[in-house]
Protein backbone atom coordinates (compact mmCIF):
# COMPACT_ATOMS: atom_id res chain seq x y z
CA MET A 1 -4.34 5.60 -10.37
CA LYS A 2 -3.32 4.15 -13.76
CA LYS A 3 -2.70 0.32 -14.44
CA LEU A 4 0.87 0.89 -15.07
CA TYR A 5 1.36 1.82 -11.63
CA ILE A 6 -0.12 -1.12 -10.03
CA VAL A 7 1.00 -4.74 -9.08
CA LYS A 8 -1.51 -7.02 -10.66
CA ASN A 9 0.31 -10.05 -11.09
CA GLN A 10 -0.35 -12.74 -8.48
CA ARG A 11 3.40 -14.04 -8.62
CA ASP A 12 4.87 -10.83 -8.19
CA PHE A 13 2.48 -10.21 -4.84
CA ASN A 14 3.15 -13.47 -3.34
CA ARG A 15 6.96 -13.21 -4.02
CA ILE A 16 7.29 -9.60 -2.52
CA ILE A 17 5.09 -10.73 0.52
CA LYS A 18 7.10 -13.88 0.83
CA THR A 19 10.52 -12.34 0.21
CA ALA A 20 10.53 -8.59 1.02
CA PRO A 21 11.03 -6.82 4.01
CA ASN A 22 8.28 -4.92 5.56
CA LYS A 23 7.32 -2.13 7.76
CA LYS A 24 4.16 -2.36 10.10
CA ASN A 25 2.06 0.16 12.35
CA LYS A 26 -1.24 -0.05 13.55
CA SER A 27 -3.17 0.38 10.33
CA PHE A 28 -0.89 -0.98 7.71
CA ILE A 29 1.93 -3.48 6.79
CA ILE A 30 3.65 -2.41 3.90
CA TYR A 31 6.30 -4.72 1.96
CA TYR A 32 8.53 -3.36 -0.52
CA GLU A 33 10.99 -4.28 -2.91
CA LYS A 34 13.38 -2.88 -5.43
CA ASN A 35 12.15 -3.04 -9.26
CA ASN A 36 13.71 -2.12 -12.56
CA LEU A 37 11.22 0.27 -13.32
CA PRO A 38 11.49 4.01 -13.87
CA TYR A 39 8.35 4.72 -11.65
CA ASP A 40 6.81 2.80 -8.40
CA ARG A 41 4.24 0.32 -8.57
CA PHE A 42 1.51 -0.30 -5.54
CA GLY A 43 -0.63 -3.22 -4.72
CA ILE A 44 -3.39 -2.90 -2.38
CA SER A 45 -4.73 -5.80 -0.38
CA VAL A 46 -8.33 -5.83 2.05
CA GLY A 47 -8.86 -9.25 3.86
CA LYS A 48 -12.36 -10.75 3.74
CA LYS A 49 -12.27 -10.75 7.48
CA LEU A 50 -12.50 -7.22 7.56
CA GLY A 51 -15.97 -6.85 5.81
CA ASN A 52 -17.86 -7.51 2.63
CA ALA A 53 -17.17 -6.58 -0.89
CA VAL A 54 -18.26 -3.06 -0.49
CA TYR A 55 -16.71 -1.96 2.56
CA ARG A 56 -13.27 -3.50 1.23
CA ASN A 57 -13.66 -1.77 -2.09
CA LYS A 58 -14.24 1.74 -0.27
CA TYR A 59 -10.91 1.07 2.04
CA LYS A 60 -9.20 0.46 -1.57
CA ARG A 61 -10.48 3.40 -2.97
CA LYS A 62 -9.30 5.51 -0.04
CA ILE A 63 -5.39 3.84 -0.05
CA ARG A 64 -5.15 4.69 -3.72
CA ALA A 65 -6.44 8.74 -3.35
CA ILE A 66 -3.78 8.69 -0.54
CA ILE A 67 -1.18 7.17 -3.05
CA ASP A 68 -2.25 9.16 -5.70
CA ARG A 69 -1.48 12.29 -3.97
CA ILE A 70 1.86 11.24 -2.83
CA LYS A 71 3.43 9.17 -5.73
CA LYS A 72 4.96 12.67 -7.79
CA VAL A 73 6.70 13.63 -4.38
CA TYR A 74 8.24 10.58 -3.80
CA GLU A 75 10.00 8.24 -6.53
CA ASN A 76 12.36 5.59 -5.63
CA ASN A 77 11.84 2.51 -8.02
CA LYS A 78 10.15 0.16 -5.60
CA ASP A 79 7.06 -2.21 -5.59
CA TYR A 80 4.96 -1.70 -2.86
CA ILE A 81 2.21 -4.22 -1.60
CA ILE A 82 0.10 -2.10 1.18
CA ILE A 83 -1.94 -4.44 3.57
CA LEU A 84 -4.82 -3.04 5.57
CA ARG A 85 -5.34 -4.31 9.25
CA ARG A 86 -8.18 -4.77 11.06
CA SER A 87 -7.63 -1.75 13.78
CA ALA A 88 -7.90 0.79 10.32
CA GLN A 89 -11.86 0.37 10.92
CA GLU A 90 -12.26 2.72 13.57
CA LYS A 91 -10.05 5.43 11.69
CA ASN A 92 -11.07 8.15 9.44
CA TYR A 93 -9.74 9.18 6.30
CA GLN A 94 -6.93 11.90 7.74
CA GLU A 95 -5.60 9.11 10.35
CA LEU A 96 -5.27 6.47 7.36
CA ASN A 97 -3.42 9.30 5.51
CA GLN A 98 -1.31 10.25 8.36
CA GLU A 99 -0.36 6.67 9.27
CA LEU A 100 0.39 5.68 5.20
CA LEU A 101 2.57 8.73 4.96
CA SER A 102 4.40 7.73 8.17
CA LEU A 103 5.12 4.30 6.50
CA ILE A 104 5.86 5.27 3.23
CA ASP A 105 8.65 8.26 4.65
CA LYS A 106 10.32 5.51 6.79
CA ILE A 107 10.78 3.44 4.11
CA ARG A 108 12.20 5.91 1.71
CA LYS A 109 14.34 7.08 4.42
CA GLU A 110 16.52 3.63 4.20
């Protein structure tokens, strides 16, 4: 994922989490907000309670791979903050892929 498509600024991250609507399932919480850019941006968060740095980076890579595959199909000019939940630890890549896609579909249909 290019840096252009990443929400990096901590102020943006916190603002979206505090004020934006969200969708949840067993593995993810996604906060989303309309932006004024011609593309979507994504921010990924995996908490320290879920594991060490190796584990957190592994799951961030998995989520980025899923996003890279779907971002060209869906474009609606929004910022997304994706937070991984504890129950995602038992799931494999295919299950995570399916759950993330279903949540993003729900958001994009609104």
